Amino acid sequence: MPIPIVTFVAGSSGAGKTTWICEQIRNITSVDKLIYFSPGTGTVPIDQTRIATEFPGIQVFCDTQEAEFFNQIPKAEAVYIELGFYLELGAMGHALPLAIAQIIDNLTYRTVAVLPPDLKDSEYHPWANEIVRGAPTQATIAETLWRAVSSGQVIDENSLEDFWYEITHGAYGIVTRAKGIFDVNDGRSLYCDFVAGVPQTDFLELDLPRYLEGRPQRFSGVEVVGKNLDEGALKQTLSHCCLSDAAIVQYQRQVKEILLEGEPV
């Protein structure tokens, strides 16, 4: 039986849906005819940005590009559709989101659920054709989702480290999942990732050119999942981390001088 070209991936927050998709993509020789789509991310396409950066050539679509996404499916060799936990798939029983189901009704697809190892029964189990054991997440009930766009902003890296430490150590509520992409003062774009109960990793520098000419013209933003989140304090602290125009110019001038001298930054 041929492998369906369309794969839906759902599961718990932080269990590793995007990581699993990336593993599948690495096994594909050419990504030119591969599509990735994650509906419901709105103006904060963190996973789309990360995947597009790691796999140049892949076709990545956001919510505002649904029509073009559906038009490209017949031309694709593989399609990955990541369904965030916030879509409440379980409330729809075995069904896919209606808008997507109507479009791919005549296509063969498979469903994969990435779940914590100790989760034995959930709404995903009867839905999925395949269960993948992911990270041991510590999801709680009554979780909320906070998102913020920071495109065009530059954050002092030391301030970002302090902000991320506060997020992941309870300063703004019980956080179970956090991820973000930020432009920092030396022109790099950093990916930050946190899952409660999983060893933390260092910030990952995305394979993008240093942005050293004014405010960055590319996406940056953050997503935090947890309980009793102080969204006002999160927004205010993030704002305080952002640099002024004068500070951005000064940092960028310093970095360019260092690069011209051939010194490591």
Protein backbone atom coordinates (compact mmCIF):
# COMPACT_ATOMS: atom_id res chain seq x y z
CA MET A 1 0.00 0.00 0.00
CA PRO A 2 1.50 3.41 -0.95
CA ILE A 3 2.20 5.89 1.83
CA PRO A 4 -0.37 8.72 1.81
CA ILE A 5 1.13 12.05 0.80
CA VAL A 6 -0.92 13.93 3.46
CA THR A 7 -0.01 13.39 7.10
CA PHE A 8 -1.88 15.06 9.95
CA VAL A 9 0.10 15.37 13.17
CA ALA A 10 -1.62 16.21 16.45
CA GLY A 11 -0.90 15.70 20.13
CA SER A 12 -0.20 17.24 23.50
CA SER A 13 1.44 20.64 23.85
CA GLY A 14 5.22 20.22 23.89
CA ALA A 15 5.20 16.48 23.21
CA GLY A 16 7.26 16.92 20.03
CA LYS A 17 4.96 17.28 17.02
CA THR A 18 7.24 19.67 15.14
CA THR A 19 10.32 17.67 16.14
CA TRP A 20 8.79 14.49 14.73
CA ILE A 21 7.89 16.25 11.48
CA CYS A 22 11.45 17.57 11.17
CA GLU A 23 12.76 14.02 11.60
CA GLN A 24 10.58 12.86 8.71
CA ILE A 25 11.70 15.75 6.51
CA ARG A 26 15.39 14.93 7.10
CA ASN A 27 14.77 11.51 5.56
CA ILE A 28 13.49 13.06 2.33
CA THR A 29 16.13 13.59 -0.33
CA SER A 30 14.54 16.65 -1.90
CA VAL A 31 12.20 19.02 -0.07
CA ASP A 32 11.23 21.06 -3.12
CA LYS A 33 7.89 19.28 -3.40
CA LEU A 34 7.22 19.06 0.33
CA ILE A 35 4.57 21.17 2.09
CA TYR A 36 4.14 22.13 5.73
CA PHE A 37 1.05 23.85 7.13
CA SER A 38 0.01 24.56 10.73
CA PRO A 39 -3.45 26.17 10.96
CA GLY A 40 -4.45 28.35 13.86
CA THR A 41 -1.09 30.02 14.49
CA GLY A 42 -2.36 33.38 13.33
CA THR A 43 0.28 36.10 13.25
CA VAL A 44 2.75 34.06 15.34
CA PRO A 45 4.14 31.40 12.93
CA ILE A 46 7.00 30.18 15.13
CA ASP A 47 7.12 26.60 13.85
CA GLN A 48 6.68 27.67 10.24
CA THR A 49 9.62 30.05 10.55
CA ARG A 50 11.82 27.44 12.20
CA ILE A 51 11.05 24.79 9.56
CA ALA A 52 11.50 27.19 6.63
CA THR A 53 14.88 28.21 8.06
CA GLU A 54 16.09 24.65 8.70
CA PHE A 55 14.88 23.30 5.37
CA PRO A 56 15.33 25.90 2.61
CA GLY A 57 13.17 25.06 -0.37
CA ILE A 58 10.26 23.59 1.56
CA GLN A 59 6.87 25.21 0.95
CA VAL A 60 5.59 26.60 4.25
CA PHE A 61 2.12 28.12 4.57
CA CYS A 62 0.42 30.29 7.19
CA ASP A 63 -3.26 30.88 7.96
CA THR A 64 -3.60 33.68 5.41
CA GLN A 65 -2.29 31.38 2.66
CA GLU A 66 -4.84 28.58 2.93
CA ALA A 67 -6.08 28.91 -0.66
CA GLU A 68 -2.56 28.63 -2.11
CA PHE A 69 -1.79 25.74 0.26
CA PHE A 70 -4.75 23.71 -0.99
CA ASN A 71 -3.83 24.51 -4.61
CA GLN A 72 -0.33 23.14 -4.10
CA ILE A 73 -1.36 19.82 -2.53
CA PRO A 74 -1.89 17.98 -5.88
CA LYS A 75 1.67 18.95 -6.93
CA ALA A 76 3.31 17.83 -3.69
CA GLU A 77 5.11 14.58 -2.90
CA ALA A 78 4.53 14.92 0.85
CA VAL A 79 2.30 17.18 2.94
CA TYR A 80 2.54 17.64 6.71
CA ILE A 81 -0.29 19.39 8.52
CA GLU A 82 0.43 20.08 12.19
CA LEU A 83 -2.63 20.52 14.41
CA GLY A 84 -1.94 22.45 17.61
CA PHE A 85 -3.52 21.32 20.87
CA TYR A 86 -5.54 24.57 20.91
CA LEU A 87 -7.67 23.33 17.99
CA GLU A 88 -9.42 20.98 20.46
CA LEU A 89 -9.43 18.06 18.10
CA GLY A 90 -11.01 15.83 20.75
CA ALA A 91 -14.18 17.92 20.72
CA MET A 92 -14.68 16.84 17.11
CA GLY A 93 -14.38 13.14 17.81
CA HIS A 94 -12.64 11.35 14.95
CA ALA A 95 -13.13 14.20 12.51
CA LEU A 96 -10.57 16.57 11.10
CA PRO A 97 -11.18 20.34 11.21
CA LEU A 98 -14.12 20.82 8.84
CA ALA A 99 -12.48 23.29 6.45
CA ILE A 100 -9.53 20.96 5.91
CA ALA A 101 -11.63 17.79 5.73
CA GLN A 102 -13.78 19.21 2.94
CA ILE A 103 -10.77 20.06 0.80
CA ILE A 104 -8.89 16.76 1.17
CA ASP A 105 -12.00 14.60 1.17
CA ASN A 106 -10.86 12.82 -2.00
CA LEU A 107 -7.26 12.31 -0.81
CA THR A 108 -5.77 9.49 1.21
CA TYR A 109 -4.24 10.66 4.45
CA ARG A 110 -2.86 9.26 7.68
CA THR A 111 -3.12 10.61 11.22
CA VAL A 112 -0.26 10.61 13.71
CA ALA A 113 -0.50 11.55 17.39
CA VAL A 114 2.66 12.53 19.31
CA LEU A 115 1.96 11.96 23.00
CA PRO A 116 3.75 11.71 26.37
CA PRO A 117 4.86 8.13 27.13
CA ASP A 118 2.61 7.82 30.19
CA LEU A 119 -0.55 9.00 28.47
CA LYS A 120 -2.56 5.84 27.94
CA ASP A 121 -5.98 7.15 27.01
CA SER A 122 -6.96 10.43 25.36
CA GLU A 123 -9.02 11.90 22.56
CA TYR A 124 -6.03 11.37 20.28
CA HIS A 125 -5.86 7.58 20.69
CA PRO A 126 -9.00 6.70 18.68
CA TRP A 127 -8.23 9.45 16.17
CA ALA A 128 -4.69 8.44 15.24
CA ASN A 129 -3.55 5.73 12.85
CA GLU A 130 -0.18 5.83 14.60
CA ILE A 131 0.88 6.79 18.13
CA VAL A 132 4.36 8.23 18.58
CA ARG A 133 5.82 8.43 22.09
CA GLY A 134 7.14 11.94 22.56
CA ALA A 135 8.46 14.05 25.42
CA PRO A 136 7.11 13.50 28.97
CA THR A 137 5.14 16.73 29.09
CA GLN A 138 3.37 17.95 32.22
CA ALA A 139 0.18 19.35 30.78
CA THR A 140 -2.38 20.66 33.24
CA ILE A 141 -6.07 21.33 32.90
CA ALA A 142 -7.38 24.85 32.28
CA GLU A 143 -4.28 25.84 30.31
CA THR A 144 -4.29 29.14 28.50
CA LEU A 145 -2.31 30.31 25.48
CA TRP A 146 -0.58 33.70 25.25
CA ARG A 147 1.03 34.93 22.07
CA ALA A 148 2.80 38.13 21.13
CA VAL A 149 4.41 39.37 17.92
CA SER A 150 7.75 41.17 18.29
CA SER A 151 8.62 41.60 14.61
CA GLY A 152 10.72 44.69 14.06
CA GLN A 153 11.99 44.63 17.63
CA VAL A 154 15.53 43.93 18.79
CA ILE A 155 16.10 42.49 22.26
CA ASP A 156 19.25 42.73 24.34
CA GLU A 157 20.44 39.13 24.66
CA ASN A 158 21.12 39.41 28.40
CA SER A 159 17.61 40.77 28.92
CA LEU A 160 16.21 37.90 26.84
CA GLU A 161 18.02 35.37 29.04
CA ASP A 162 16.54 36.99 32.16
CA PHE A 163 13.06 37.13 30.62
CA TRP A 164 13.21 33.49 29.54
CA TYR A 165 14.40 32.43 33.00
CA GLU A 166 11.44 34.25 34.57
CA ILE A 167 9.01 32.62 32.12
CA THR A 168 10.33 29.13 32.82
CA HIS A 169 10.60 29.55 36.61
CA GLY A 170 7.08 30.64 37.49
CA ALA A 171 7.33 34.43 37.49
CA TYR A 172 4.24 34.76 35.28
CA GLY A 173 2.28 31.66 36.23
CA ILE A 174 2.64 27.91 35.83
CA VAL A 175 4.22 27.55 32.38
CA THR A 176 4.18 24.12 30.75
CA ARG A 177 5.35 25.17 27.28
CA ALA A 178 7.06 28.20 25.81
CA LYS A 179 8.73 28.88 22.49
CA GLY A 180 9.81 31.97 20.66
CA ILE A 181 11.99 33.54 17.99
CA PHE A 182 13.78 36.77 18.82
CA ASP A 183 16.16 39.13 17.03
CA VAL A 184 18.97 40.10 19.42
CA ASN A 185 21.40 42.98 19.55
CA ASP A 186 24.22 41.36 17.55
CA GLY A 187 21.92 40.73 14.57
CA ARG A 188 21.24 37.03 15.14
CA SER A 189 17.82 35.39 15.26
CA LEU A 190 17.46 33.02 18.24
CA TYR A 191 14.97 30.20 18.77
CA CYS A 192 13.99 29.58 22.42
CA ASP A 193 12.27 26.38 23.54
CA PHE A 194 10.95 25.16 26.90
CA VAL A 195 8.86 22.14 27.92
CA ALA A 196 8.16 21.56 31.62
CA GLY A 197 9.67 18.28 32.82
CA VAL A 198 12.17 18.11 29.95
CA PRO A 199 15.82 19.24 30.31
CA GLN A 200 16.19 22.76 28.99
CA THR A 201 18.25 23.44 25.89
CA ASP A 202 20.36 26.45 24.99
CA PHE A 203 19.02 29.06 22.63
CA LEU A 204 19.38 27.94 19.01
CA GLU A 205 20.73 30.37 16.45
CA LEU A 206 18.65 30.16 13.29
CA ASP A 207 20.53 29.91 10.01
CA LEU A 208 19.68 33.43 8.90
CA PRO A 209 21.90 36.38 7.92
CA ARG A 210 22.71 38.80 10.72
CA TYR A 211 20.33 41.74 10.51
CA LEU A 212 22.51 44.84 10.90
CA GLU A 213 20.60 47.56 9.05
CA GLY A 214 17.91 49.04 11.28
CA ARG A 215 14.91 47.18 12.62
CA PRO A 216 14.64 43.58 11.36
CA GLN A 217 12.18 43.00 8.54
CA ARG A 218 11.40 39.41 9.49
CA PHE A 219 9.20 37.53 11.92
CA SER A 220 9.81 37.31 15.64
CA GLY A 221 7.39 36.44 18.41
CA VAL A 222 6.63 34.27 21.43
CA GLU A 223 4.06 31.69 22.55
CA VAL A 224 3.49 30.67 26.18
CA VAL A 225 1.18 27.91 27.43
CA GLY A 226 0.30 27.52 31.09
CA LYS A 227 -2.07 28.11 33.95
CA ASN A 228 -2.89 31.41 35.67
CA LEU A 229 -0.67 33.32 33.26
CA ASP A 230 -0.11 37.00 34.05
CA GLU A 231 -0.45 38.16 30.47
CA GLY A 232 -0.17 41.84 31.35
CA ALA A 233 3.17 41.32 33.08
CA LEU A 234 4.43 39.15 30.21
CA LYS A 235 3.60 41.84 27.68
CA GLN A 236 5.12 44.61 29.80
CA THR A 237 8.37 42.75 30.48
CA LEU A 238 8.79 41.85 26.82
CA SER A 239 8.31 45.50 25.92
CA HIS A 240 10.96 46.55 28.45
CA CYS A 241 13.45 44.14 26.84
CA CYS A 242 13.17 45.83 23.45
CA LEU A 243 15.86 48.30 22.44
CA SER A 244 15.36 51.87 21.25
CA ASP A 245 16.28 52.99 17.73
CA ALA A 246 19.42 54.67 19.03
CA ALA A 247 20.54 51.56 20.93
CA ILE A 248 19.92 49.35 17.87
CA VAL A 249 22.06 51.62 15.67
CA GLN A 250 24.84 51.64 18.26
CA TYR A 251 24.88 47.85 18.64
CA GLN A 252 24.77 47.29 14.89
CA ARG A 253 27.66 49.71 14.33
CA GLN A 254 29.75 47.88 16.95
CA VAL A 255 29.03 44.46 15.43
CA LYS A 256 29.89 45.62 11.90
CA GLU A 257 33.20 47.05 13.14
CA ILE A 258 34.05 43.75 14.83
CA LEU A 259 33.13 41.76 11.72
CA LEU A 260 35.27 44.02 9.53
CA GLU A 261 38.22 43.39 11.82
CA GLY A 262 37.64 39.65 11.50
CA GLU A 263 37.10 39.10 15.19
CA PRO A 264 34.54 36.56 16.50
CA VAL A 265 31.26 38.05 17.71
